[in-house]
């Protein structure tokens, strides 16, 4: 069965997801790559289109954030529990870790959709954002294109296996996050005691 709208469907879905529209970009890439694995699409062309759409969508989000995002957040952020104080913390965090956040956020549902918007809103310099976004988009598109292409006709079997082991994966990620928080707290306390 051919993927509806083929390359255009994947490109548009990934593009609009880049500036906050709730769309299934990751799923579209996997489905398109699965179709490529069955010979219905060209996997290289699919990857190029998804990559360009990801970078361009984030660029639109960045532009929206730069042009009016900060004003909108300060005015309406309280409705989504983003107070000016919390936004100040986000700005500080993004200033210190911006490029790393942009790359990693590409792989996190929810963060991926607002990646460019937050970077633009917090004033991350455009060249720095663009380099980090290109790296993140290349890794993200490459990973999911490979997964979909290799899965091909075996997607249903792989999905069942993933669902079977999901609780263990979630527990592993939770333990990793707890360990990271404990490490950061200890590091912070050590720095405070050194002063």
Foldseek 3Di string as FASTA:
>chain_A
DDDVPALVVLLVQLQQLLQQDPGCNLVSLLQNLLCVLVVNDPLVSSLVSSLVSNLNSLQVLLVVLQPCVQVCCDVPVVVVPCHPVNLVVLLVCCVVCVLVCLQVLCVPPPSNSNSSNSCNNSPPDPVSNSVSNSNSSNVSSVVSSVNSNVCRPVVVVVVVVCVVCVVVVVVVVVVVVVVVVVVVVVVVVVVVVVD
